[in-house]
């Protein structure tokens, strides 16, 4: 009589365990392809439109008004937010206990940060020229994104998330110092393109 219940190969067991661990980690931290890539595409489109409006020599490179560029950015970000929300909801359905509470507080921090950013920009924006007003909005919003990514990385001991936040903060700081046109260009290329690459790379790399 042949025994079909053969002893499993240890290497095969380790491989299966590693695959399960990697899958579990992706579920807990969310799918990077849903969390990063949509925002990268949105910023690539939106800030490219702003770059074409501002230019680098105080001359527009295309007949795009500031309001049209803002419309492109906001529409793209609404789509990105919907996709990211789907990924976050799917992740939260598998998480319970302290992790759920921690995630909720982190979400409230995002909301508070964005509300404060809007209040500051509404108060200070009218005091600045149009290009500087746009730079104020873009710079403060990316400040919130960068700092809260770093905070989230520290909260969940997620180094990629922390470094992504640091990268956002660094690009934002350089762009603000160089002016509206450069800020839009750097954000489109280094953050928009960078988030697309980060989403794909984090999705494919072993956890």
N, C-alpha and C. Protein backbone atom coordinates (compact mmCIF):
# COMPACT_ATOMS: atom_id res chain seq x y z
N UNK A 1 0.86 -1.20 0.00
CA UNK A 1 0.00 0.00 0.00
C UNK A 1 0.89 1.24 0.00
N UNK A 2 0.57 2.20 -0.91
CA UNK A 2 1.39 3.39 -1.04
C UNK A 2 0.83 4.48 -0.13
N UNK A 3 1.70 5.08 0.65
CA UNK A 3 1.29 6.16 1.56
C UNK A 3 1.35 7.48 0.80
N UNK A 4 0.18 8.10 0.53
CA UNK A 4 0.15 9.36 -0.20
C UNK A 4 0.52 10.54 0.67
N UNK A 5 0.49 10.36 2.00
CA UNK A 5 0.83 11.45 2.92
C UNK A 5 2.33 11.50 3.12
N UNK A 6 3.02 11.89 2.06
CA UNK A 6 4.47 11.95 2.15
C UNK A 6 4.92 13.13 3.00
N UNK A 7 6.07 12.99 3.60
CA UNK A 7 6.64 14.09 4.39
C UNK A 7 7.00 15.25 3.48
N UNK A 8 6.55 16.43 3.84
CA UNK A 8 6.80 17.60 3.00
C UNK A 8 8.28 17.95 2.97
N UNK A 9 8.72 18.41 1.81
CA UNK A 9 10.09 18.87 1.65
C UNK A 9 10.29 20.13 2.50
N UNK A 10 11.33 20.17 3.38
CA UNK A 10 11.54 21.36 4.22
C UNK A 10 11.70 22.63 3.41
N UNK A 11 12.39 22.56 2.27
CA UNK A 11 12.57 23.76 1.45
C UNK A 11 11.24 24.24 0.89
N UNK A 12 10.39 23.28 0.52
CA UNK A 12 9.07 23.64 0.02
C UNK A 12 8.24 24.28 1.11
N UNK A 13 8.33 23.76 2.33
CA UNK A 13 7.58 24.33 3.45
C UNK A 13 8.05 25.76 3.73
N UNK A 14 9.36 25.98 3.69
CA UNK A 14 9.89 27.33 3.92
C UNK A 14 9.42 28.29 2.83
N UNK A 15 9.40 27.79 1.59
CA UNK A 15 8.96 28.65 0.49
C UNK A 15 7.50 29.05 0.67
N UNK A 16 6.66 28.09 1.03
CA UNK A 16 5.24 28.38 1.23
C UNK A 16 5.05 29.34 2.40
N UNK A 17 5.80 29.14 3.49
CA UNK A 17 5.69 30.02 4.64
C UNK A 17 6.10 31.45 4.28
N UNK A 18 7.17 31.57 3.49
CA UNK A 18 7.64 32.89 3.09
C UNK A 18 6.62 33.58 2.19
N UNK A 19 6.00 32.82 1.29
CA UNK A 19 4.98 33.40 0.43
C UNK A 19 3.78 33.88 1.25
N UNK A 20 3.40 33.10 2.25
CA UNK A 20 2.28 33.49 3.10
C UNK A 20 2.63 34.72 3.93
N UNK A 21 3.86 34.76 4.43
CA UNK A 21 4.28 35.93 5.22
C UNK A 21 4.28 37.18 4.35
N UNK A 22 4.79 37.06 3.13
CA UNK A 22 4.83 38.21 2.22
C UNK A 22 3.42 38.68 1.89
N UNK A 23 2.52 37.72 1.64
CA UNK A 23 1.13 38.08 1.33
C UNK A 23 0.46 38.77 2.52
N UNK A 24 0.70 38.24 3.72
CA UNK A 24 0.11 38.84 4.92
C UNK A 24 0.63 40.25 5.13
N UNK A 25 1.92 40.46 4.94
CA UNK A 25 2.50 41.80 5.10
C UNK A 25 1.89 42.78 4.13
N UNK A 26 1.69 42.37 2.89
CA UNK A 26 1.09 43.25 1.89
C UNK A 26 -0.34 43.61 2.28
N UNK A 27 -1.08 42.63 2.83
CA UNK A 27 -2.44 42.92 3.26
C UNK A 27 -2.45 43.91 4.42
N UNK A 28 -1.55 43.73 5.38
CA UNK A 28 -1.53 44.59 6.56
C UNK A 28 -1.13 46.01 6.21
N UNK A 29 -0.12 46.17 5.32
CA UNK A 29 0.35 47.49 4.95
C UNK A 29 -0.40 48.08 3.76
N UNK A 30 -1.26 47.28 3.15
CA UNK A 30 -1.98 47.75 1.97
C UNK A 30 -1.21 47.43 0.70
N UNK A 31 -1.93 47.40 -0.39
CA UNK A 31 -1.32 47.12 -1.68
C UNK A 31 -0.64 48.38 -2.18
N UNK A 32 0.69 48.39 -2.30
CA UNK A 32 1.39 49.62 -2.73
C UNK A 32 0.95 50.09 -4.10
N UNK A 33 0.54 49.16 -4.96
CA UNK A 33 0.11 49.53 -6.31
C UNK A 33 -1.15 50.40 -6.25
N UNK A 34 -2.00 50.17 -5.24
CA UNK A 34 -3.21 50.97 -5.07
C UNK A 34 -2.95 52.23 -4.26
N UNK A 35 -1.98 52.19 -3.36
CA UNK A 35 -1.75 53.31 -2.45
C UNK A 35 -0.82 54.37 -3.01
N UNK A 36 0.12 53.98 -3.87
CA UNK A 36 1.12 54.93 -4.37
C UNK A 36 0.96 55.27 -5.85
N UNK A 37 0.75 54.26 -6.69
CA UNK A 37 0.74 54.51 -8.12
C UNK A 37 -0.35 55.48 -8.58
N UNK A 38 -1.59 55.37 -8.08
CA UNK A 38 -2.61 56.35 -8.52
C UNK A 38 -2.24 57.80 -8.19
N UNK A 39 -1.66 58.00 -6.99
CA UNK A 39 -1.24 59.37 -6.63
C UNK A 39 -0.09 59.83 -7.53
N UNK A 40 0.80 58.91 -7.86
CA UNK A 40 1.89 59.27 -8.76
C UNK A 40 1.37 59.72 -10.12
N UNK A 41 0.41 58.99 -10.67
CA UNK A 41 -0.17 59.37 -11.96
C UNK A 41 -0.88 60.72 -11.84
N UNK A 42 -1.62 60.92 -10.74
CA UNK A 42 -2.34 62.18 -10.55
C UNK A 42 -1.38 63.36 -10.48
N UNK A 43 -0.30 63.21 -9.72
CA UNK A 43 0.67 64.30 -9.61
C UNK A 43 1.43 64.52 -10.92
N UNK A 44 1.70 63.45 -11.61
CA UNK A 44 2.39 63.57 -12.90
C UNK A 44 1.56 64.39 -13.87
N UNK A 45 0.26 64.11 -13.93
CA UNK A 45 -0.62 64.84 -14.83
C UNK A 45 -0.86 66.27 -14.34
N UNK A 46 -1.24 66.39 -13.07
CA UNK A 46 -1.61 67.70 -12.55
C UNK A 46 -0.46 68.69 -12.49
N UNK A 47 0.67 68.25 -11.98
CA UNK A 47 1.79 69.19 -11.85
C UNK A 47 2.50 69.42 -13.17
N UNK A 48 2.36 68.51 -14.12
CA UNK A 48 2.84 68.81 -15.47
C UNK A 48 2.03 69.95 -16.08
N UNK A 49 0.71 69.92 -15.83
CA UNK A 49 -0.13 71.03 -16.29
C UNK A 49 0.29 72.34 -15.64
N UNK A 50 0.58 72.31 -14.34
CA UNK A 50 1.06 73.52 -13.66
C UNK A 50 2.41 73.97 -14.21
N UNK A 51 3.30 73.02 -14.49
CA UNK A 51 4.60 73.38 -15.05
C UNK A 51 4.44 74.06 -16.41
N UNK A 52 3.56 73.54 -17.25
CA UNK A 52 3.34 74.15 -18.56
C UNK A 52 2.74 75.55 -18.40
N UNK A 53 1.97 75.76 -17.35
CA UNK A 53 1.41 77.10 -17.09
C UNK A 53 2.48 78.07 -16.59
N UNK A 54 3.29 77.61 -15.60
CA UNK A 54 4.28 78.51 -15.00
C UNK A 54 5.50 78.70 -15.91
N UNK A 55 6.03 77.61 -16.45
CA UNK A 55 7.30 77.66 -17.15
C UNK A 55 8.44 77.89 -16.17
N UNK A 56 9.64 77.98 -16.71
CA UNK A 56 10.82 78.22 -15.86
C UNK A 56 11.40 79.62 -16.03
N UNK A 57 10.84 80.38 -16.95
CA UNK A 57 11.37 81.72 -17.21
C UNK A 57 10.25 82.75 -17.21
N UNK A 58 9.27 82.54 -16.34
CA UNK A 58 8.12 83.44 -16.23
C UNK A 58 7.32 83.55 -17.52
N UNK A 59 7.35 82.50 -18.32
CA UNK A 59 6.59 82.47 -19.57
C UNK A 59 5.96 81.09 -19.73
N UNK A 60 4.64 81.06 -19.91
CA UNK A 60 3.95 79.78 -20.03
C UNK A 60 4.45 79.01 -21.25
N UNK A 61 4.56 77.69 -21.09
CA UNK A 61 4.98 76.84 -22.20
C UNK A 61 3.79 76.33 -23.00
N UNK A 62 2.58 76.51 -22.49
CA UNK A 62 1.38 76.07 -23.17
C UNK A 62 0.22 76.94 -22.71
N UNK A 63 -0.80 77.10 -23.55
CA UNK A 63 -1.95 77.95 -23.18
C UNK A 63 -2.85 77.28 -22.15
N UNK A 64 -2.31 77.09 -20.96
CA UNK A 64 -3.06 76.46 -19.87
C UNK A 64 -3.13 77.47 -18.72
N UNK A 65 -4.34 77.81 -18.31
CA UNK A 65 -4.48 78.75 -17.20
C UNK A 65 -4.24 78.02 -15.88
N UNK A 66 -4.04 78.81 -14.82
CA UNK A 66 -3.84 78.22 -13.50
C UNK A 66 -5.07 77.43 -13.06
N UNK A 67 -6.26 77.94 -13.39
CA UNK A 67 -7.48 77.24 -13.01
C UNK A 67 -7.62 75.93 -13.78
N UNK A 68 -7.24 75.93 -15.05
CA UNK A 68 -7.31 74.68 -15.84
C UNK A 68 -6.34 73.64 -15.28
N UNK A 69 -5.14 74.10 -14.93
CA UNK A 69 -4.16 73.17 -14.35
C UNK A 69 -4.68 72.62 -13.02
N UNK A 70 -5.30 73.49 -12.22
CA UNK A 70 -5.85 73.04 -10.95
C UNK A 70 -6.97 72.02 -11.17
N UNK A 71 -7.77 72.23 -12.19
CA UNK A 71 -8.85 71.29 -12.49
C UNK A 71 -8.30 69.92 -12.85
N UNK A 72 -7.25 69.90 -13.66
CA UNK A 72 -6.60 68.64 -14.03
C UNK A 72 -6.09 67.93 -12.77
N UNK A 73 -5.41 68.68 -11.91
CA UNK A 73 -4.85 68.09 -10.69
C UNK A 73 -5.94 67.56 -9.77
N UNK A 74 -6.98 68.35 -9.54
CA UNK A 74 -8.03 67.94 -8.61
C UNK A 74 -8.81 66.73 -9.13
N UNK A 75 -9.12 66.72 -10.42
CA UNK A 75 -9.84 65.57 -10.98
C UNK A 75 -8.99 64.30 -10.88
N UNK A 76 -7.71 64.43 -11.20
CA UNK A 76 -6.82 63.27 -11.12
C UNK A 76 -6.68 62.79 -9.68
N UNK A 77 -6.62 63.73 -8.74
CA UNK A 77 -6.48 63.36 -7.33
C UNK A 77 -7.76 62.72 -6.79
N UNK A 78 -8.92 63.12 -7.28
CA UNK A 78 -10.17 62.49 -6.86
C UNK A 78 -10.20 61.03 -7.28
N UNK A 79 -9.75 60.76 -8.50
CA UNK A 79 -9.68 59.36 -8.96
C UNK A 79 -8.67 58.58 -8.12
N UNK A 80 -7.50 59.20 -7.87
CA UNK A 80 -6.48 58.53 -7.06
C UNK A 80 -6.98 58.25 -5.65
N UNK A 81 -7.71 59.20 -5.07
CA UNK A 81 -8.23 59.03 -3.71
C UNK A 81 -9.24 57.89 -3.67
N UNK A 82 -10.07 57.76 -4.70
CA UNK A 82 -11.05 56.68 -4.73
C UNK A 82 -10.36 55.32 -4.81
N UNK A 83 -9.32 55.22 -5.64
CA UNK A 83 -8.60 53.95 -5.76
C UNK A 83 -7.88 53.62 -4.47
N UNK A 84 -7.22 54.63 -3.87
CA UNK A 84 -6.50 54.40 -2.62
C UNK A 84 -7.48 54.03 -1.50
N UNK A 85 -8.65 54.66 -1.48
CA UNK A 85 -9.65 54.35 -0.46
C UNK A 85 -10.10 52.89 -0.56
N UNK A 86 -10.24 52.40 -1.77
CA UNK A 86 -10.59 51.00 -1.96
C UNK A 86 -9.54 50.09 -1.35
N UNK A 87 -8.25 50.43 -1.59
CA UNK A 87 -7.17 49.64 -1.01
C UNK A 87 -7.15 49.70 0.50
N UNK A 88 -7.43 50.87 1.07
CA UNK A 88 -7.40 51.02 2.52
C UNK A 88 -8.57 50.27 3.17
N UNK A 89 -9.75 50.36 2.56
CA UNK A 89 -10.92 49.65 3.10
C UNK A 89 -10.68 48.14 3.06
N UNK A 90 -10.13 47.65 1.97
CA UNK A 90 -9.85 46.23 1.86
C UNK A 90 -8.84 45.80 2.91
N UNK A 91 -7.85 46.64 3.18
CA UNK A 91 -6.85 46.34 4.19
C UNK A 91 -7.48 46.33 5.58
N UNK A 92 -8.32 47.32 5.88
CA UNK A 92 -8.91 47.43 7.21
C UNK A 92 -9.88 46.29 7.52
N UNK A 93 -10.45 45.69 6.50
CA UNK A 93 -11.36 44.57 6.72
C UNK A 93 -10.65 43.36 7.32
N UNK A 94 -9.32 43.31 7.18
CA UNK A 94 -8.56 42.16 7.69
C UNK A 94 -7.82 42.47 8.98
N UNK A 95 -7.97 43.68 9.48
CA UNK A 95 -7.20 44.10 10.65
C UNK A 95 -8.16 44.43 11.79
N UNK A 96 -7.81 43.97 12.98
CA UNK A 96 -8.65 44.22 14.15
C UNK A 96 -7.78 44.67 15.33
N UNK A 97 -8.45 45.12 16.41
CA UNK A 97 -7.74 45.45 17.63
C UNK A 97 -6.98 46.76 17.57
N UNK A 98 -5.80 46.75 18.18
CA UNK A 98 -5.00 47.97 18.28
C UNK A 98 -4.64 48.54 16.91
N UNK A 99 -4.41 47.67 15.94
CA UNK A 99 -4.05 48.15 14.61
C UNK A 99 -5.17 48.97 13.99
N UNK A 100 -6.41 48.57 14.24
CA UNK A 100 -7.54 49.34 13.72
C UNK A 100 -7.60 50.71 14.36
N UNK A 101 -7.44 50.78 15.67
CA UNK A 101 -7.46 52.07 16.37
C UNK A 101 -6.30 52.95 15.92
N UNK A 102 -5.14 52.35 15.76
CA UNK A 102 -3.97 53.11 15.31
C UNK A 102 -4.21 53.67 13.91
N UNK A 103 -4.79 52.86 13.05
CA UNK A 103 -5.09 53.32 11.69
C UNK A 103 -6.12 54.42 11.68
N UNK A 104 -7.13 54.32 12.56
CA UNK A 104 -8.15 55.37 12.62
C UNK A 104 -7.55 56.69 13.07
N UNK A 105 -6.71 56.66 14.09
CA UNK A 105 -6.08 57.90 14.57
C UNK A 105 -5.17 58.49 13.51
N UNK A 106 -4.49 57.61 12.78
CA UNK A 106 -3.62 58.09 11.70
C UNK A 106 -4.46 58.76 10.60
N UNK A 107 -5.62 58.18 10.31
CA UNK A 107 -6.52 58.80 9.34
C UNK A 107 -7.01 60.16 9.80
N UNK A 108 -7.34 60.28 11.08
CA UNK A 108 -7.75 61.57 11.62
C UNK A 108 -6.62 62.60 11.54
N UNK A 109 -5.39 62.14 11.72
CA UNK A 109 -4.25 63.05 11.61
C UNK A 109 -4.15 63.61 10.19
N UNK A 110 -4.39 62.75 9.18
CA UNK A 110 -4.40 63.24 7.80
C UNK A 110 -5.48 64.29 7.61
N UNK A 111 -6.67 64.02 8.11
CA UNK A 111 -7.77 64.96 7.95
C UNK A 111 -7.46 66.29 8.64
N UNK A 112 -6.92 66.22 9.87
CA UNK A 112 -6.59 67.44 10.60
C UNK A 112 -5.50 68.23 9.89
N UNK A 113 -4.49 67.52 9.38
CA UNK A 113 -3.40 68.18 8.68
C UNK A 113 -3.88 68.90 7.43
N UNK A 114 -4.75 68.25 6.65
CA UNK A 114 -5.25 68.87 5.43
C UNK A 114 -6.18 70.04 5.73
N UNK A 115 -6.99 69.92 6.78
CA UNK A 115 -7.87 71.03 7.15
C UNK A 115 -7.04 72.24 7.58
N UNK A 116 -6.02 72.00 8.39
CA UNK A 116 -5.15 73.10 8.82
C UNK A 116 -4.44 73.72 7.63
N UNK A 117 -3.99 72.91 6.68
CA UNK A 117 -3.35 73.42 5.48
C UNK A 117 -4.29 74.34 4.71
N UNK A 118 -5.55 73.93 4.56
CA UNK A 118 -6.53 74.74 3.84
C UNK A 118 -6.77 76.07 4.56
N UNK A 119 -6.88 76.02 5.89
CA UNK A 119 -7.10 77.24 6.66
C UNK A 119 -5.93 78.23 6.48
N UNK A 120 -4.71 77.73 6.58
CA UNK A 120 -3.54 78.58 6.41
C UNK A 120 -3.49 79.19 5.02
N UNK A 121 -3.75 78.38 3.99
CA UNK A 121 -3.68 78.87 2.61
C UNK A 121 -4.79 79.86 2.31
N UNK A 122 -5.98 79.62 2.84
CA UNK A 122 -7.07 80.57 2.63
C UNK A 122 -6.77 81.91 3.29
N UNK A 123 -6.07 81.86 4.43
CA UNK A 123 -5.74 83.10 5.14
C UNK A 123 -4.59 83.84 4.48
N UNK A 124 -3.55 83.13 4.04
CA UNK A 124 -2.35 83.75 3.52
C UNK A 124 -2.37 83.94 2.01
N UNK A 125 -3.13 83.11 1.30
CA UNK A 125 -3.13 83.16 -0.15
C UNK A 125 -3.46 84.52 -0.75
N UNK A 126 -4.52 85.20 -0.27
CA UNK A 126 -4.87 86.49 -0.85
C UNK A 126 -3.78 87.56 -0.69
N UNK A 127 -2.84 87.34 0.18
CA UNK A 127 -1.78 88.33 0.41
C UNK A 127 -0.61 88.17 -0.58
N UNK A 128 -0.65 87.13 -1.42
CA UNK A 128 0.46 86.80 -2.29
C UNK A 128 0.06 86.94 -3.76
N UNK A 129 1.05 87.11 -4.66
CA UNK A 129 0.76 87.07 -6.09
C UNK A 129 0.22 85.70 -6.49
N UNK A 130 -0.47 85.58 -7.63
CA UNK A 130 -1.09 84.30 -8.03
C UNK A 130 -0.12 83.13 -8.05
N UNK A 131 1.08 83.31 -8.64
CA UNK A 131 2.03 82.20 -8.71
C UNK A 131 2.48 81.77 -7.32
N UNK A 132 2.71 82.74 -6.45
CA UNK A 132 3.13 82.43 -5.09
C UNK A 132 2.00 81.78 -4.29
N UNK A 133 0.76 82.16 -4.61
CA UNK A 133 -0.37 81.52 -3.95
C UNK A 133 -0.44 80.04 -4.32
N UNK A 134 -0.24 79.76 -5.62
CA UNK A 134 -0.21 78.36 -6.05
C UNK A 134 0.91 77.59 -5.39
N UNK A 135 2.06 78.23 -5.25
CA UNK A 135 3.20 77.58 -4.59
C UNK A 135 2.90 77.33 -3.11
N UNK A 136 2.19 78.26 -2.47
CA UNK A 136 1.81 78.08 -1.07
C UNK A 136 0.92 76.84 -0.91
N UNK A 137 -0.10 76.72 -1.76
CA UNK A 137 -0.99 75.57 -1.68
C UNK A 137 -0.24 74.26 -1.93
N UNK A 138 0.56 74.25 -3.00
CA UNK A 138 1.28 73.02 -3.35
C UNK A 138 2.31 72.66 -2.28
N UNK A 139 3.06 73.66 -1.81
CA UNK A 139 4.11 73.40 -0.84
C UNK A 139 3.58 72.91 0.50
N UNK A 140 2.50 73.53 0.99
CA UNK A 140 1.96 73.12 2.29
C UNK A 140 1.27 71.75 2.21
N UNK A 141 0.61 71.46 1.08
CA UNK A 141 -0.04 70.15 0.95
C UNK A 141 0.98 69.03 0.90
N UNK A 142 2.08 69.24 0.20
CA UNK A 142 3.13 68.22 0.15
C UNK A 142 3.87 68.13 1.49
N UNK A 143 3.92 69.24 2.23
CA UNK A 143 4.49 69.19 3.57
C UNK A 143 3.70 68.21 4.44
N UNK A 144 2.37 68.30 4.38
CA UNK A 144 1.53 67.38 5.15
C UNK A 144 1.75 65.95 4.69
N UNK A 145 1.81 65.74 3.38
CA UNK A 145 2.01 64.39 2.84
C UNK A 145 3.34 63.81 3.31
N UNK A 146 4.40 64.60 3.20
CA UNK A 146 5.72 64.11 3.59
C UNK A 146 5.82 63.79 5.07
N UNK A 147 5.38 64.70 5.92
CA UNK A 147 5.50 64.51 7.36
C UNK A 147 4.66 63.33 7.83
N UNK A 148 3.43 63.20 7.30
CA UNK A 148 2.57 62.11 7.76
C UNK A 148 3.01 60.76 7.20
N UNK A 149 3.64 60.74 6.06
CA UNK A 149 4.24 59.48 5.60
C UNK A 149 5.37 59.06 6.54
N UNK A 150 6.19 60.01 6.94
CA UNK A 150 7.28 59.70 7.87
C UNK A 150 6.70 59.24 9.21
N UNK A 151 5.64 59.91 9.67
CA UNK A 151 5.01 59.51 10.93
C UNK A 151 4.41 58.11 10.82
N UNK A 152 3.78 57.81 9.69
CA UNK A 152 3.22 56.48 9.49
C UNK A 152 4.29 55.42 9.44
N UNK A 153 5.41 55.74 8.79
CA UNK A 153 6.51 54.79 8.76
C UNK A 153 7.05 54.50 10.15
N UNK A 154 7.13 55.54 10.98
CA UNK A 154 7.58 55.34 12.36
C UNK A 154 6.55 54.55 13.17
N UNK A 155 5.27 54.82 12.91
CA UNK A 155 4.20 54.17 13.67
C UNK A 155 4.16 52.67 13.42
N UNK A 156 4.34 52.27 12.14
CA UNK A 156 4.25 50.85 11.80
C UNK A 156 5.62 50.22 11.51
N UNK A 157 6.69 50.95 11.84
CA UNK A 157 8.05 50.47 11.58
C UNK A 157 8.20 50.05 10.12
N UNK A 158 7.69 50.89 9.25
CA UNK A 158 7.70 50.64 7.81
C UNK A 158 8.72 51.59 7.17
N UNK A 159 9.94 51.09 6.96
CA UNK A 159 11.01 51.94 6.44
C UNK A 159 10.73 52.50 5.05
N UNK A 160 10.20 51.72 4.11
CA UNK A 160 9.89 52.31 2.80
C UNK A 160 8.94 53.50 2.90
N UNK A 161 7.91 53.39 3.74
CA UNK A 161 6.97 54.49 3.92
C UNK A 161 7.68 55.71 4.51
N UNK A 162 8.56 55.49 5.47
CA UNK A 162 9.30 56.60 6.09
C UNK A 162 10.19 57.30 5.06
N UNK A 163 10.91 56.52 4.27
CA UNK A 163 11.82 57.12 3.28
C UNK A 163 11.05 57.82 2.16
N UNK A 164 9.89 57.29 1.80
CA UNK A 164 9.06 57.98 0.81
C UNK A 164 8.63 59.34 1.34
N UNK A 165 8.24 59.39 2.62
CA UNK A 165 7.89 60.67 3.22
C UNK A 165 9.05 61.64 3.25
N UNK A 166 10.23 61.15 3.58
CA UNK A 166 11.42 62.01 3.59
C UNK A 166 11.72 62.53 2.19
N UNK A 167 11.53 61.67 1.17
CA UNK A 167 11.76 62.07 -0.21
C UNK A 167 10.78 63.17 -0.63
N UNK A 168 9.51 63.02 -0.25
CA UNK A 168 8.51 64.04 -0.55
C UNK A 168 8.89 65.37 0.10
N UNK A 169 9.29 65.32 1.36
CA UNK A 169 9.66 66.55 2.07
C UNK A 169 10.87 67.22 1.43
N UNK A 170 11.86 66.43 1.02
CA UNK A 170 13.07 66.99 0.44
C UNK A 170 12.78 67.64 -0.92
N UNK A 171 12.02 66.96 -1.77
CA UNK A 171 11.68 67.52 -3.08
C UNK A 171 10.83 68.77 -2.91
N UNK A 172 9.90 68.74 -1.98
CA UNK A 172 9.04 69.89 -1.71
C UNK A 172 9.88 71.09 -1.28
N UNK A 173 10.83 70.87 -0.38
CA UNK A 173 11.66 71.97 0.12
C UNK A 173 12.49 72.60 -1.01
N UNK A 174 13.11 71.77 -1.82
CA UNK A 174 13.91 72.29 -2.94
C UNK A 174 13.03 73.05 -3.92
N UNK A 175 11.85 72.49 -4.23
CA UNK A 175 10.96 73.16 -5.16
C UNK A 175 10.48 74.50 -4.66
N UNK A 176 10.13 74.58 -3.38
CA UNK A 176 9.68 75.85 -2.81
C UNK A 176 10.79 76.90 -2.89
N UNK A 177 12.01 76.50 -2.64
CA UNK A 177 13.12 77.45 -2.71
C UNK A 177 13.37 77.94 -4.13
N UNK A 178 13.13 77.09 -5.12
CA UNK A 178 13.43 77.44 -6.51
C UNK A 178 12.29 78.21 -7.19
N UNK A 179 11.07 78.08 -6.68
CA UNK A 179 9.96 78.82 -7.27
C UNK A 179 8.89 77.91 -7.85
N UNK A 180 7.78 78.53 -8.27
CA UNK A 180 6.58 77.78 -8.66
C UNK A 180 6.83 76.85 -9.84
N UNK A 181 7.51 77.33 -10.88
CA UNK A 181 7.75 76.50 -12.06
C UNK A 181 8.60 75.29 -11.75
N UNK A 182 9.68 75.51 -11.02
CA UNK A 182 10.55 74.40 -10.64
C UNK A 182 9.85 73.44 -9.69
N UNK A 183 9.06 73.98 -8.78
CA UNK A 183 8.33 73.12 -7.85
C UNK A 183 7.38 72.19 -8.61
N UNK A 184 6.67 72.74 -9.59
CA UNK A 184 5.75 71.92 -10.38
C UNK A 184 6.51 70.86 -11.17
N UNK A 185 7.64 71.23 -11.76
CA UNK A 185 8.43 70.28 -12.55
C UNK A 185 8.99 69.16 -11.67
N UNK A 186 9.59 69.54 -10.54
CA UNK A 186 10.18 68.53 -9.65
C UNK A 186 9.11 67.62 -9.07
N UNK A 187 7.95 68.20 -8.73
CA UNK A 187 6.87 67.38 -8.18
C UNK A 187 6.36 66.40 -9.21
N UNK A 188 6.17 66.86 -10.45
CA UNK A 188 5.67 65.98 -11.51
C UNK A 188 6.63 64.83 -11.77
N UNK A 189 7.92 65.15 -11.90
CA UNK A 189 8.89 64.13 -12.30
C UNK A 189 9.33 63.28 -11.12
N UNK A 190 9.80 63.92 -10.05
CA UNK A 190 10.41 63.18 -8.95
C UNK A 190 9.39 62.58 -7.98
N UNK A 191 8.26 63.25 -7.81
CA UNK A 191 7.24 62.70 -6.92
C UNK A 191 6.17 61.93 -7.70
N UNK A 192 5.67 62.53 -8.78
CA UNK A 192 4.70 61.80 -9.59
C UNK A 192 5.30 60.53 -10.17
N UNK A 193 6.40 60.68 -10.90
CA UNK A 193 7.07 59.51 -11.44
C UNK A 193 7.61 58.61 -10.36
N UNK A 194 8.11 59.22 -9.27
CA UNK A 194 8.67 58.44 -8.17
C UNK A 194 7.63 57.57 -7.48
N UNK A 195 6.41 58.10 -7.30
CA UNK A 195 5.35 57.31 -6.66
C UNK A 195 4.91 56.15 -7.55
N UNK A 196 4.89 56.37 -8.87
CA UNK A 196 4.55 55.27 -9.78
C UNK A 196 5.58 54.16 -9.66
N UNK A 197 6.85 54.53 -9.70
CA UNK A 197 7.93 53.54 -9.58
C UNK A 197 7.88 52.86 -8.21
N UNK A 198 7.66 53.65 -7.15
CA UNK A 198 7.61 53.07 -5.80
C UNK A 198 6.48 52.07 -5.66
N UNK A 199 5.31 52.40 -6.21
CA UNK A 199 4.18 51.48 -6.13
C UNK A 199 4.45 50.17 -6.81
N UNK A 200 5.03 50.24 -8.02
CA UNK A 200 5.35 49.01 -8.76
C UNK A 200 6.44 48.22 -8.06
N UNK A 201 7.50 48.92 -7.60
CA UNK A 201 8.63 48.22 -6.97
C UNK A 201 8.22 47.58 -5.65
N UNK A 202 7.48 48.31 -4.83
CA UNK A 202 7.05 47.75 -3.55
C UNK A 202 6.08 46.58 -3.74
N UNK A 203 5.31 46.63 -4.80
CA UNK A 203 4.38 45.53 -5.07
C UNK A 203 5.11 44.26 -5.48
N UNK A 204 6.24 44.42 -6.20
CA UNK A 204 6.95 43.27 -6.74
C UNK A 204 8.02 42.73 -5.81
N UNK A 205 8.54 43.59 -4.93
CA UNK A 205 9.66 43.14 -4.09
C UNK A 205 9.18 42.17 -3.02
N UNK A 206 10.06 41.29 -2.56
CA UNK A 206 9.69 40.42 -1.44
C UNK A 206 9.45 41.25 -0.19
N UNK A 207 8.48 40.90 0.61
CA UNK A 207 8.16 41.66 1.85
C UNK A 207 9.21 41.43 2.91
